[in-house]
C-alpha atoms as a PDB file:
ATOM      1  CA  MET A   1      12.856 -19.243  23.644  1.00  0.00           C
ATOM      2  CA  ASN A   2      10.631 -22.153  22.848  1.00  0.00           C
ATOM      3  CA  PRO A   3      10.121 -23.055  18.951  1.00  0.00           C
ATOM      4  CA  LEU A   4       6.930 -21.305  18.715  1.00  0.00           C
ATOM      5  CA  GLN A   5       8.281 -18.125  20.067  1.00  0.00           C
ATOM      6  CA  GLN A   6      11.406 -18.282  18.006  1.00  0.00           C
ATOM      7  CA  HIS A   7       9.057 -18.800  14.945  1.00  0.00           C
ATOM      8  CA  GLU A   8       6.969 -15.901  15.913  1.00  0.00           C
ATOM      9  CA  ARG A   9       9.940 -13.533  16.649  1.00  0.00           C
ATOM     10  CA  ASP A  10      11.771 -14.735  13.265  1.00  0.00           C
ATOM     11  CA  THR A  11       8.489 -14.281  11.220  1.00  0.00           C
ATOM     12  CA  ARG A  12       7.834 -10.623  12.568  1.00  0.00           C
ATOM     13  CA  LEU A  13      11.693  -9.925  11.800  1.00  0.00           C
ATOM     14  CA  LEU A  14      11.270 -10.935   8.215  1.00  0.00           C
ATOM     15  CA  HIS A  15       8.082  -8.753   8.095  1.00  0.00           C
ATOM     16  CA  ILE A  16      10.345  -5.813   9.198  1.00  0.00           C
ATOM     17  CA  ALA A  17      12.861  -6.467   6.854  1.00  0.00           C
ATOM     18  CA  GLU A  18      10.384  -6.645   4.012  1.00  0.00           C
ATOM     19  CA  ALA A  19       8.654  -3.568   4.798  1.00  0.00           C
ATOM     20  CA  GLY A  20      11.701  -1.825   5.156  1.00  0.00           C
ATOM     21  CA  GLN A  21      13.014  -2.782   1.874  1.00  0.00           C
ATOM     22  CA  GLU A  22       9.856  -1.965   0.346  1.00  0.00           C
ATOM     23  CA  ILE A  23      10.281   1.607   1.762  1.00  0.00           C
ATOM     24  CA  LEU A  24      13.805   1.920   0.429  1.00  0.00           C
ATOM     25  CA  ALA A  25      12.124   0.894  -3.153  1.00  0.00           C
ATOM     26  CA  LEU A  26       9.559   3.341  -2.911  1.00  0.00           C
ATOM     27  CA  THR A  27      11.738   6.202  -2.130  1.00  0.00           C
ATOM     28  CA  GLU A  28      14.798   5.571  -4.173  1.00  0.00           C
ATOM     29  CA  GLY A  29      15.805   8.846  -5.865  1.00  0.00           C
ATOM     30  CA  PHE A  30      13.381  11.036  -3.637  1.00  0.00           C
ATOM     31  CA  THR A  31      14.077  14.154  -2.071  1.00  0.00           C
ATOM     32  CA  TYR A  32      12.008  15.472   0.821  1.00  0.00           C
ATOM     33  CA  GLU A  33      10.024  17.607  -1.524  1.00  0.00           C
ATOM     34  CA  ASP A  34       9.324  14.804  -3.732  1.00  0.00           C
ATOM     35  CA  PHE A  35       8.148  12.723  -0.649  1.00  0.00           C
ATOM     36  CA  SER A  36       6.097  15.397   1.023  1.00  0.00           C
ATOM     37  CA  HIS A  37       4.267  16.293  -2.163  1.00  0.00           C
ATOM     38  CA  ASP A  38       3.627  12.579  -3.353  1.00  0.00           C
ATOM     39  CA  ARG A  39       0.533  11.788  -1.126  1.00  0.00           C
ATOM     40  CA  ARG A  40       0.274   8.185  -2.412  1.00  0.00           C
ATOM     41  CA  THR A  41       3.839   7.392  -1.443  1.00  0.00           C
ATOM     42  CA  SER A  42       3.771   9.257   1.800  1.00  0.00           C
ATOM     43  CA  LEU A  43       0.667   6.985   2.652  1.00  0.00           C
ATOM     44  CA  ALA A  44       2.181   4.037   1.611  1.00  0.00           C
ATOM     45  CA  ILE A  45       5.176   4.605   3.642  1.00  0.00           C
ATOM     46  CA  GLU A  46       3.098   5.414   6.712  1.00  0.00           C
ATOM     47  CA  ARG A  47       1.400   2.057   6.270  1.00  0.00           C
ATOM     48  CA  LEU A  48       4.751   0.114   6.172  1.00  0.00           C
ATOM     49  CA  LEU A  49       6.309   2.031   9.081  1.00  0.00           C
ATOM     50  CA  ILE A  50       3.150   0.846  10.984  1.00  0.00           C
ATOM     51  CA  THR A  51       3.808  -2.568   9.869  1.00  0.00           C
ATOM     52  CA  ILE A  52       7.359  -2.378  11.041  1.00  0.00           C
ATOM     53  CA  GLY A  53       6.137  -0.964  14.523  1.00  0.00           C
ATOM     54  CA  GLU A  54       3.395  -3.609  14.921  1.00  0.00           C
ATOM     55  CA  ALA A  55       5.876  -6.445  13.774  1.00  0.00           C
ATOM     56  CA  LEU A  56       8.587  -5.278  16.083  1.00  0.00           C
ATOM     57  CA  ASN A  57       6.122  -5.011  18.882  1.00  0.00           C
ATOM     58  CA  ARG A  58       4.997  -8.652  18.339  1.00  0.00           C
ATOM     59  CA  ALA A  59       8.595  -9.815  18.116  1.00  0.00           C
ATOM     60  CA  LEU A  60       9.625  -8.177  21.498  1.00  0.00           C
ATOM     61  CA  ILE A  61       6.556 -10.133  22.891  1.00  0.00           C
ATOM     62  CA  ALA A  62       8.020 -13.388  21.668  1.00  0.00           C
ATOM     63  CA  ASP A  63      11.467 -12.420  22.450  1.00  0.00           C
ATOM     64  CA  PRO A  64      11.742  -9.692  24.949  1.00  0.00           C
ATOM     65  CA  ALA A  65      15.644  -9.747  24.850  1.00  0.00           C
ATOM     66  CA  LEU A  66      15.317  -8.093  21.569  1.00  0.00           C
ATOM     67  CA  SER A  67      15.092  -4.771  23.123  1.00  0.00           C
ATOM     68  CA  ASP A  68      18.816  -5.047  23.870  1.00  0.00           C
ATOM     69  CA  ARG A  69      19.692  -6.045  20.254  1.00  0.00           C
ATOM     70  CA  VAL A  70      17.330  -3.557  18.131  1.00  0.00           C
ATOM     71  CA  SER A  71      18.447   0.276  18.793  1.00  0.00           C
ATOM     72  CA  ALA A  72      15.354   2.140  20.015  1.00  0.00           C
ATOM     73  CA  ALA A  73      12.844  -0.602  20.058  1.00  0.00           C
ATOM     74  CA  ARG A  74      10.538   1.037  22.196  1.00  0.00           C
ATOM     75  CA  ARG A  75      10.863   4.563  20.272  1.00  0.00           C
ATOM     76  CA  ILE A  76       9.895   2.295  16.975  1.00  0.00           C
ATOM     77  CA  THR A  77       7.063   0.878  18.453  1.00  0.00           C
ATOM     78  CA  GLY A  78       6.046   4.234  20.059  1.00  0.00           C
ATOM     79  CA  PHE A  79       6.473   6.031  16.599  1.00  0.00           C
ATOM     80  CA  ARG A  80       3.885   3.090  15.236  1.00  0.00           C
ATOM     81  CA  HIS A  81       1.423   4.335  18.005  1.00  0.00           C
ATOM     82  CA  ARG A  82       1.807   7.749  16.778  1.00  0.00           C
ATOM     83  CA  LEU A  83       1.068   7.132  13.263  1.00  0.00           C
ATOM     84  CA  VAL A  84      -2.143   5.062  14.092  1.00  0.00           C
ATOM     85  CA  HIS A  85      -3.575   7.225  17.119  1.00  0.00           C
ATOM     86  CA  ASP A  86      -2.256  10.814  16.513  1.00  0.00           C
ATOM     87  CA  TYR A  87      -2.671  10.629  12.594  1.00  0.00           C
ATOM     88  CA  PRO A  88      -3.293  14.063  12.245  1.00  0.00           C
ATOM     89  CA  GLU A  89      -0.229  15.311  13.885  1.00  0.00           C
ATOM     90  CA  VAL A  90       1.872  13.451  11.401  1.00  0.00           C
ATOM     91  CA  ASP A  91       5.051  15.575  10.714  1.00  0.00           C
ATOM     92  CA  TYR A  92       6.394  14.248   7.402  1.00  0.00           C
ATOM     93  CA  GLU A  93       9.715  15.980   8.364  1.00  0.00           C
ATOM     94  CA  VAL A  94       9.917  13.539  11.213  1.00  0.00           C
ATOM     95  CA  VAL A  95       8.948  10.639   9.029  1.00  0.00           C
ATOM     96  CA  TRP A  96      11.695  11.564   6.297  1.00  0.00           C
ATOM     97  CA  THR A  97      14.176  11.704   9.174  1.00  0.00           C
ATOM     98  CA  VAL A  98      13.248   8.278  10.247  1.00  0.00           C
ATOM     99  CA  LEU A  99      13.522   6.911   6.865  1.00  0.00           C
ATOM    100  CA  HIS A 100      17.076   8.509   6.181  1.00  0.00           C
ATOM    101  CA  ASP A 101      18.669   8.203   9.638  1.00  0.00           C
ATOM    102  CA  HIS A 102      17.059   5.265  11.589  1.00  0.00           C
ATOM    103  CA  LEU A 103      15.745   2.747   8.881  1.00  0.00           C
ATOM    104  CA  PRO A 104      18.905   1.750   7.359  1.00  0.00           C
ATOM    105  CA  ARG A 105      20.126   0.712  10.895  1.00  0.00           C
ATOM    106  CA  LEU A 106      17.238  -1.024  11.925  1.00  0.00           C
ATOM    107  CA  LEU A 107      17.194  -3.124   8.672  1.00  0.00           C
ATOM    108  CA  ALA A 108      20.980  -4.115   9.415  1.00  0.00           C
ATOM    109  CA  GLU A 109      20.133  -5.041  12.899  1.00  0.00           C
ATOM    110  CA  VAL A 110      17.019  -7.069  12.091  1.00  0.00           C
ATOM    111  CA  ARG A 111      18.819  -8.685   8.988  1.00  0.00           C
ATOM    112  CA  SER A 112      21.765  -9.944  11.518  1.00  0.00           C
ATOM    113  CA  LEU A 113      19.228 -11.454  13.745  1.00  0.00           C
ATOM    114  CA  LEU A 114      17.436 -13.363  11.177  1.00  0.00           C
ATOM    115  CA  PRO A 115      18.491 -17.141  10.487  1.00  0.00           C
ATOM    116  CA  PRO A 116      20.251 -17.619   7.234  1.00  0.00           C
ATOM    117  CA  SER A 117      17.800 -18.508   4.504  1.00  0.00           C
ATOM    118  CA  PRO A 118      17.779 -22.135   3.177  1.00  0.00           C
ATOM    119  CA  ALA A 119      19.818 -22.914  -0.170  1.00  0.00           C
ATOM    120  CA  PRO A 120      17.745 -23.483  -3.253  1.00  0.00           C
END
């Protein structure tokens, strides 16, 4: 991978980590009922999930080998596609499951791929 591809990949991985952390902060202490009844938060979560899916898609373009290092990479980008194009069919139970069952693993994998932050 050339330096430009590496930079693109790392930038997109950072976007995933930031969006995922924002999701965790927005849903801290939430139950499914809280989430499903809070339209503002659910819309923000959808937007952040779209960001994650698009950032992963761009990272995969820069580094196709990521598909072996990020669990369910193609399912994640497919989920982004559904959120964008099949928006009337969004199932909040599925979104909630993604947040609780899949997002923590994705964040752990992405963080392990990011270069260490420079010391201040």
